[in-house]
């Protein structure tokens, strides 16, 4: 782990460098527990919404959603 002074010295200078540095931390599994939980919840939410859209595309009625449109 880098000391605080090394973090300042080695800080990425461009947005691309910053994004790459963050991606390396994610790929190395260095995210916090809360971030992992939020990522999982977000993934589940997106998959649920996509499944509703797919069902509507094939004409399956979804209880609680209006049929207007």
PDB file of N, CA and C in Angstrom:
ATOM      1  N   UNK A   1       0.842  -1.182   0.000  1.00  0.00           N
ATOM      2  CA  UNK A   1       0.000   0.000   0.000  1.00  0.00           C
ATOM      3  C   UNK A   1       0.886   1.244   0.000  1.00  0.00           C
ATOM      4  N   UNK A   2       0.479   2.231  -0.764  1.00  0.00           N
ATOM      5  CA  UNK A   2       1.281   3.447  -0.874  1.00  0.00           C
ATOM      6  C   UNK A   2       1.043   4.356   0.318  1.00  0.00           C
ATOM      7  N   UNK A   3       2.094   5.042   0.739  1.00  0.00           N
ATOM      8  CA  UNK A   3       1.940   6.031   1.798  1.00  0.00           C
ATOM      9  C   UNK A   3       1.214   7.245   1.226  1.00  0.00           C
ATOM     10  N   UNK A   4       0.636   8.089   2.078  1.00  0.00           N
ATOM     11  CA  UNK A   4      -0.100   9.260   1.576  1.00  0.00           C
ATOM     12  C   UNK A   4       0.733  10.160   0.676  1.00  0.00           C
ATOM     13  N   UNK A   5       2.009  10.317   0.972  1.00  0.00           N
ATOM     14  CA  UNK A   5       2.842  11.189   0.136  1.00  0.00           C
ATOM     15  C   UNK A   5       3.053  10.569  -1.244  1.00  0.00           C
ATOM     16  N   UNK A   6       3.203   9.232  -1.311  1.00  0.00           N
ATOM     17  CA  UNK A   6       3.365   8.579  -2.607  1.00  0.00           C
ATOM     18  C   UNK A   6       2.090   8.641  -3.431  1.00  0.00           C
ATOM     19  N   UNK A   7       0.942   8.637  -2.765  1.00  0.00           N
ATOM     20  CA  UNK A   7      -0.310   8.761  -3.495  1.00  0.00           C
ATOM     21  C   UNK A   7      -0.396  10.110  -4.193  1.00  0.00           C
ATOM     22  N   UNK A   8       0.079  11.153  -3.541  1.00  0.00           N
ATOM     23  CA  UNK A   8       0.054  12.486  -4.139  1.00  0.00           C
ATOM     24  C   UNK A   8       1.055  12.566  -5.286  1.00  0.00           C
ATOM     25  N   UNK A   9       2.238  12.026  -5.076  1.00  0.00           N
ATOM     26  CA  UNK A   9       3.275  12.087  -6.098  1.00  0.00           C
ATOM     27  C   UNK A   9       2.862  11.270  -7.322  1.00  0.00           C
ATOM     28  N   UNK A  10       2.278  10.093  -7.099  1.00  0.00           N
ATOM     29  CA  UNK A  10       1.934   9.181  -8.184  1.00  0.00           C
ATOM     30  C   UNK A  10       0.504   9.368  -8.675  1.00  0.00           C
ATOM     31  N   UNK A  11      -0.136  10.446  -8.286  1.00  0.00           N
ATOM     32  CA  UNK A  11      -1.522  10.681  -8.678  1.00  0.00           C
ATOM     33  C   UNK A  11      -1.624  10.839 -10.198  1.00  0.00           C
ATOM     34  N   UNK A  12      -2.582  10.100 -10.818  1.00  0.00           N
ATOM     35  CA  UNK A  12      -2.774  10.246 -12.267  1.00  0.00           C
ATOM     36  C   UNK A  12      -3.156  11.684 -12.622  1.00  0.00           C
ATOM     37  N   UNK A  13      -2.681  12.146 -13.744  1.00  0.00           N
ATOM     38  CA  UNK A  13      -2.881  13.544 -14.099  1.00  0.00           C
ATOM     39  C   UNK A  13      -4.019  13.767 -15.076  1.00  0.00           C
ATOM     40  N   UNK A  14      -4.336  12.794 -15.897  1.00  0.00           N
ATOM     41  CA  UNK A  14      -5.420  12.969 -16.854  1.00  0.00           C
ATOM     42  C   UNK A  14      -6.594  12.088 -16.452  1.00  0.00           C
ATOM     43  N   UNK A  15      -7.755  12.366 -17.030  1.00  0.00           N
ATOM     44  CA  UNK A  15      -8.939  11.572 -16.747  1.00  0.00           C
ATOM     45  C   UNK A  15      -8.732  10.119 -17.165  1.00  0.00           C
ATOM     46  N   UNK A  16      -8.077   9.914 -18.287  1.00  0.00           N
ATOM     47  CA  UNK A  16      -7.815   8.552 -18.760  1.00  0.00           C
ATOM     48  C   UNK A  16      -6.920   7.807 -17.780  1.00  0.00           C
ATOM     49  N   UNK A  17      -5.871   8.439 -17.309  1.00  0.00           N
ATOM     50  CA  UNK A  17      -4.974   7.800 -16.344  1.00  0.00           C
ATOM     51  C   UNK A  17      -5.719   7.486 -15.056  1.00  0.00           C
ATOM     52  N   UNK A  18      -6.582   8.421 -14.630  1.00  0.00           N
ATOM     53  CA  UNK A  18      -7.369   8.217 -13.418  1.00  0.00           C
ATOM     54  C   UNK A  18      -8.317   7.031 -13.591  1.00  0.00           C
ATOM     55  N   UNK A  19      -8.979   6.947 -14.738  1.00  0.00           N
ATOM     56  CA  UNK A  19      -9.914   5.861 -15.011  1.00  0.00           C
ATOM     57  C   UNK A  19      -9.191   4.528 -15.049  1.00  0.00           C
ATOM     58  N   UNK A  20      -8.039   4.485 -15.687  1.00  0.00           N
ATOM     59  CA  UNK A  20      -7.252   3.251 -15.758  1.00  0.00           C
ATOM     60  C   UNK A  20      -6.811   2.832 -14.358  1.00  0.00           C
ATOM     61  N   UNK A  21      -6.376   3.785 -13.552  1.00  0.00           N
ATOM     62  CA  UNK A  21      -5.939   3.468 -12.194  1.00  0.00           C
ATOM     63  C   UNK A  21      -7.093   2.896 -11.373  1.00  0.00           C
ATOM     64  N   UNK A  22      -8.284   3.480 -11.494  1.00  0.00           N
ATOM     65  CA  UNK A  22      -9.454   2.968 -10.776  1.00  0.00           C
ATOM     66  C   UNK A  22      -9.812   1.575 -11.267  1.00  0.00           C
ATOM     67  N   UNK A  23      -9.758   1.358 -12.581  1.00  0.00           N
ATOM     68  CA  UNK A  23     -10.078   0.046 -13.144  1.00  0.00           C
ATOM     69  C   UNK A  23      -9.096  -1.009 -12.632  1.00  0.00           C
ATOM     70  N   UNK A  24      -7.839  -0.653 -12.487  1.00  0.00           N
ATOM     71  CA  UNK A  24      -6.850  -1.600 -11.973  1.00  0.00           C
ATOM     72  C   UNK A  24      -7.170  -1.996 -10.539  1.00  0.00           C
ATOM     73  N   UNK A  25      -7.647  -1.025  -9.739  1.00  0.00           N
ATOM     74  CA  UNK A  25      -8.032  -1.334  -8.359  1.00  0.00           C
ATOM     75  C   UNK A  25      -9.223  -2.280  -8.337  1.00  0.00           C
ATOM     76  N   UNK A  26     -10.193  -2.047  -9.218  1.00  0.00           N
ATOM     77  CA  UNK A  26     -11.381  -2.896  -9.274  1.00  0.00           C
ATOM     78  C   UNK A  26     -10.996  -4.302  -9.706  1.00  0.00           C
ATOM     79  N   UNK A  27     -10.173  -4.407 -10.754  1.00  0.00           N
ATOM     80  CA  UNK A  27      -9.765  -5.716 -11.239  1.00  0.00           C
ATOM     81  C   UNK A  27      -8.921  -6.467 -10.218  1.00  0.00           C
ATOM     82  N   UNK A  28      -8.221  -5.730  -9.376  1.00  0.00           N
ATOM     83  CA  UNK A  28      -7.399  -6.354  -8.344  1.00  0.00           C
ATOM     84  C   UNK A  28      -8.232  -6.724  -7.119  1.00  0.00           C
ATOM     85  N   UNK A  29      -9.534  -6.409  -7.146  1.00  0.00           N
ATOM     86  CA  UNK A  29     -10.406  -6.747  -6.026  1.00  0.00           C
ATOM     87  C   UNK A  29     -10.226  -5.839  -4.836  1.00  0.00           C
ATOM     88  N   UNK A  30      -9.843  -4.597  -5.065  1.00  0.00           N
ATOM     89  CA  UNK A  30      -9.566  -3.679  -3.970  1.00  0.00           C
ATOM     90  C   UNK A  30     -10.731  -2.724  -3.709  1.00  0.00           C
ATOM     91  N   UNK A  31     -11.941  -3.154  -4.017  1.00  0.00           N
ATOM     92  CA  UNK A  31     -13.104  -2.331  -3.684  1.00  0.00           C
ATOM     93  C   UNK A  31     -13.520  -2.637  -2.259  1.00  0.00           C
ATOM     94  N   UNK A  32     -14.237  -1.712  -1.642  1.00  0.00           N
ATOM     95  CA  UNK A  32     -14.726  -1.929  -0.293  1.00  0.00           C
ATOM     96  C   UNK A  32     -15.952  -2.827  -0.284  1.00  0.00           C
ATOM     97  N   UNK A  33     -16.335  -3.277   0.902  1.00  0.00           N
ATOM     98  CA  UNK A  33     -17.491  -4.154   1.035  1.00  0.00           C
ATOM     99  C   UNK A  33     -18.779  -3.493   0.597  1.00  0.00           C
ATOM    100  N   UNK A  34     -18.970  -2.229   0.971  1.00  0.00           N
ATOM    101  CA  UNK A  34     -20.186  -1.515   0.593  1.00  0.00           C
ATOM    102  C   UNK A  34     -20.270  -1.362  -0.924  1.00  0.00           C
ATOM    103  N   UNK A  35     -19.154  -1.096  -1.563  1.00  0.00           N
ATOM    104  CA  UNK A  35     -19.141  -0.963  -3.020  1.00  0.00           C
ATOM    105  C   UNK A  35     -19.548  -2.271  -3.684  1.00  0.00           C
ATOM    106  N   UNK A  36     -19.068  -3.385  -3.154  1.00  0.00           N
ATOM    107  CA  UNK A  36     -19.438  -4.689  -3.705  1.00  0.00           C
ATOM    108  C   UNK A  36     -20.933  -4.942  -3.550  1.00  0.00           C
ATOM    109  N   UNK A  37     -21.485  -4.600  -2.407  1.00  0.00           N
ATOM    110  CA  UNK A  37     -22.919  -4.796  -2.167  1.00  0.00           C
ATOM    111  C   UNK A  37     -23.734  -3.921  -3.108  1.00  0.00           C
ATOM    112  N   UNK A  38     -23.347  -2.658  -3.241  1.00  0.00           N
ATOM    113  CA  UNK A  38     -24.076  -1.757  -4.133  1.00  0.00           C
ATOM    114  C   UNK A  38     -23.971  -2.196  -5.587  1.00  0.00           C
ATOM    115  N   UNK A  39     -22.828  -2.716  -5.982  1.00  0.00           N
ATOM    116  CA  UNK A  39     -22.665  -3.221  -7.349  1.00  0.00           C
ATOM    117  C   UNK A  39     -23.587  -4.406  -7.585  1.00  0.00           C
ATOM    118  N   UNK A  40     -23.711  -5.285  -6.612  1.00  0.00           N
ATOM    119  CA  UNK A  40     -24.591  -6.445  -6.732  1.00  0.00           C
ATOM    120  C   UNK A  40     -26.051  -6.020  -6.794  1.00  0.00           C
ATOM    121  N   UNK A  41     -26.450  -5.094  -5.927  1.00  0.00           N
ATOM    122  CA  UNK A  41     -27.833  -4.597  -5.927  1.00  0.00           C
ATOM    123  C   UNK A  41     -28.150  -3.911  -7.257  1.00  0.00           C
ATOM    124  N   UNK A  42     -27.237  -3.111  -7.758  1.00  0.00           N
ATOM    125  CA  UNK A  42     -27.445  -2.432  -9.035  1.00  0.00           C
ATOM    126  C   UNK A  42     -27.586  -3.417 -10.178  1.00  0.00           C
ATOM    127  N   UNK A  43     -26.769  -4.455 -10.166  1.00  0.00           N
ATOM    128  CA  UNK A  43     -26.841  -5.480 -11.214  1.00  0.00           C
ATOM    129  C   UNK A  43     -28.185  -6.197 -11.181  1.00  0.00           C
ATOM    130  N   UNK A  44     -28.632  -6.558  -9.998  1.00  0.00           N
ATOM    131  CA  UNK A  44     -29.925  -7.243  -9.855  1.00  0.00           C
ATOM    132  C   UNK A  44     -31.059  -6.343 -10.325  1.00  0.00           C
ATOM    133  N   UNK A  45     -30.999  -5.063  -9.984  1.00  0.00           N
ATOM    134  CA  UNK A  45     -32.038  -4.116 -10.399  1.00  0.00           C
ATOM    135  C   UNK A  45     -32.091  -3.986 -11.914  1.00  0.00           C
ATOM    136  N   UNK A  46     -30.949  -3.849 -12.551  1.00  0.00           N
ATOM    137  CA  UNK A  46     -30.912  -3.719 -14.009  1.00  0.00           C
ATOM    138  C   UNK A  46     -31.436  -4.986 -14.681  1.00  0.00           C
ATOM    139  N   UNK A  47     -31.050  -6.143 -14.178  1.00  0.00           N
ATOM    140  CA  UNK A  47     -31.534  -7.397 -14.758  1.00  0.00           C
ATOM    141  C   UNK A  47     -33.043  -7.547 -14.583  1.00  0.00           C
ATOM    142  N   UNK A  48     -33.576  -7.133 -13.436  1.00  0.00           N
ATOM    143  CA  UNK A  48     -35.021  -7.209 -13.206  1.00  0.00           C
ATOM    144  C   UNK A  48     -35.775  -6.285 -14.161  1.00  0.00           C
ATOM    145  N   UNK A  49     -35.289  -5.070 -14.328  1.00  0.00           N
ATOM    146  CA  UNK A  49     -35.946  -4.137 -15.245  1.00  0.00           C
ATOM    147  C   UNK A  49     -35.862  -4.631 -16.687  1.00  0.00           C
ATOM    148  N   UNK A  50     -34.740  -5.185 -17.064  1.00  0.00           N
ATOM    149  CA  UNK A  50     -34.609  -5.731 -18.413  1.00  0.00           C
ATOM    150  C   UNK A  50     -35.561  -6.892 -18.640  1.00  0.00           C
ATOM    151  N   UNK A  51     -35.732  -7.740 -17.633  1.00  0.00           N
ATOM    152  CA  UNK A  51     -36.645  -8.871 -17.795  1.00  0.00           C
ATOM    153  C   UNK A  51     -38.082  -8.388 -17.943  1.00  0.00           C
ATOM    154  N   UNK A  52     -38.460  -7.320 -17.237  1.00  0.00           N
ATOM    155  CA  UNK A  52     -39.803  -6.752 -17.388  1.00  0.00           C
ATOM    156  C   UNK A  52     -39.990  -6.220 -18.804  1.00  0.00           C
ATOM    157  N   UNK A  53     -39.000  -5.524 -19.314  1.00  0.00           N
ATOM    158  CA  UNK A  53     -39.098  -5.011 -20.689  1.00  0.00           C
ATOM    159  C   UNK A  53     -39.207  -6.136 -21.716  1.00  0.00           C
ATOM    160  N   UNK A  54     -38.460  -7.194 -21.513  1.00  0.00           N
ATOM    161  CA  UNK A  54     -38.517  -8.332 -22.443  1.00  0.00           C
ATOM    162  C   UNK A  54     -39.896  -8.982 -22.389  1.00  0.00           C
ATOM    163  N   UNK A  55     -40.423  -9.163 -21.175  1.00  0.00           N
ATOM    164  CA  UNK A  55     -41.756  -9.754 -21.047  1.00  0.00           C
ATOM    165  C   UNK A  55     -42.814  -8.887 -21.722  1.00  0.00           C
ATOM    166  N   UNK A  56     -42.717  -7.565 -21.536  1.00  0.00           N
ATOM    167  CA  UNK A  56     -43.672  -6.660 -22.190  1.00  0.00           C
ATOM    168  C   UNK A  56     -43.544  -6.734 -23.709  1.00  0.00           C
ATOM    169  N   UNK A  57     -42.347  -6.897 -24.198  1.00  0.00           N
ATOM    170  CA  UNK A  57     -42.128  -6.995 -25.645  1.00  0.00           C
ATOM    171  C   UNK A  57     -42.884  -8.184 -26.232  1.00  0.00           C
ATOM    172  N   UNK A  58     -42.932  -9.281 -25.479  1.00  0.00           N
ATOM    173  CA  UNK A  58     -43.625 -10.475 -25.952  1.00  0.00           C
ATOM    174  C   UNK A  58     -45.090 -10.514 -25.547  1.00  0.00           C
ATOM    175  N   UNK A  59     -45.607  -9.401 -25.004  1.00  0.00           N
ATOM    176  CA  UNK A  59     -47.037  -9.295 -24.712  1.00  0.00           C
ATOM    177  C   UNK A  59     -47.483  -9.933 -23.413  1.00  0.00           C
ATOM    178  N   UNK A  60     -46.567 -10.232 -22.523  1.00  0.00           N
ATOM    179  CA  UNK A  60     -46.940 -10.811 -21.232  1.00  0.00           C
ATOM    180  C   UNK A  60     -47.420  -9.673 -20.321  1.00  0.00           C
ATOM    181  N   UNK A  61     -48.655  -9.784 -19.801  1.00  0.00           N
ATOM    182  CA  UNK A  61     -49.138  -8.713 -18.916  1.00  0.00           C
ATOM    183  C   UNK A  61     -48.393  -8.715 -17.575  1.00  0.00           C
ATOM    184  N   UNK A  62     -47.991  -7.542 -17.156  1.00  0.00           N
ATOM    185  CA  UNK A  62     -47.274  -7.372 -15.893  1.00  0.00           C
ATOM    186  C   UNK A  62     -48.239  -6.745 -14.899  1.00  0.00           C
ATOM    187  N   UNK A  63     -48.606  -7.441 -13.805  1.00  0.00           N
ATOM    188  CA  UNK A  63     -49.533  -6.869 -12.807  1.00  0.00           C
ATOM    189  C   UNK A  63     -48.981  -5.578 -12.216  1.00  0.00           C
ATOM    190  N   UNK A  64     -49.834  -4.574 -12.115  1.00  0.00           N
ATOM    191  CA  UNK A  64     -49.438  -3.301 -11.526  1.00  0.00           C
ATOM    192  C   UNK A  64     -48.956  -2.271 -12.530  1.00  0.00           C
ATOM    193  N   UNK A  65     -48.728  -2.690 -13.765  1.00  0.00           N
ATOM    194  CA  UNK A  65     -48.327  -1.738 -14.790  1.00  0.00           C
ATOM    195  C   UNK A  65     -49.517  -1.489 -15.698  1.00  0.00           C
ATOM    196  N   UNK A  66     -49.713  -0.220 -16.054  1.00  0.00           N
ATOM    197  CA  UNK A  66     -50.848   0.106 -16.901  1.00  0.00           C
ATOM    198  C   UNK A  66     -50.615  -0.412 -18.307  1.00  0.00           C
ATOM    199  N   UNK A  67     -51.715  -0.625 -19.002  1.00  0.00           N
ATOM    200  CA  UNK A  67     -51.637  -1.128 -20.371  1.00  0.00           C
ATOM    201  C   UNK A  67     -51.759   0.021 -21.379  1.00  0.00           C
ATOM    202  N   UNK A  68     -51.673   1.261 -20.879  1.00  0.00           N
ATOM    203  CA  UNK A  68     -51.796   2.425 -21.765  1.00  0.00           C
ATOM    204  C   UNK A  68     -50.543   2.545 -22.619  1.00  0.00           C
ATOM    205  N   UNK A  69     -50.720   3.025 -23.808  1.00  0.00           N
ATOM    206  CA  UNK A  69     -49.551   3.243 -24.631  1.00  0.00           C
ATOM    207  C   UNK A  69     -49.803   2.780 -25.976  1.00  0.00           C
TER     208      UNK A  69
END
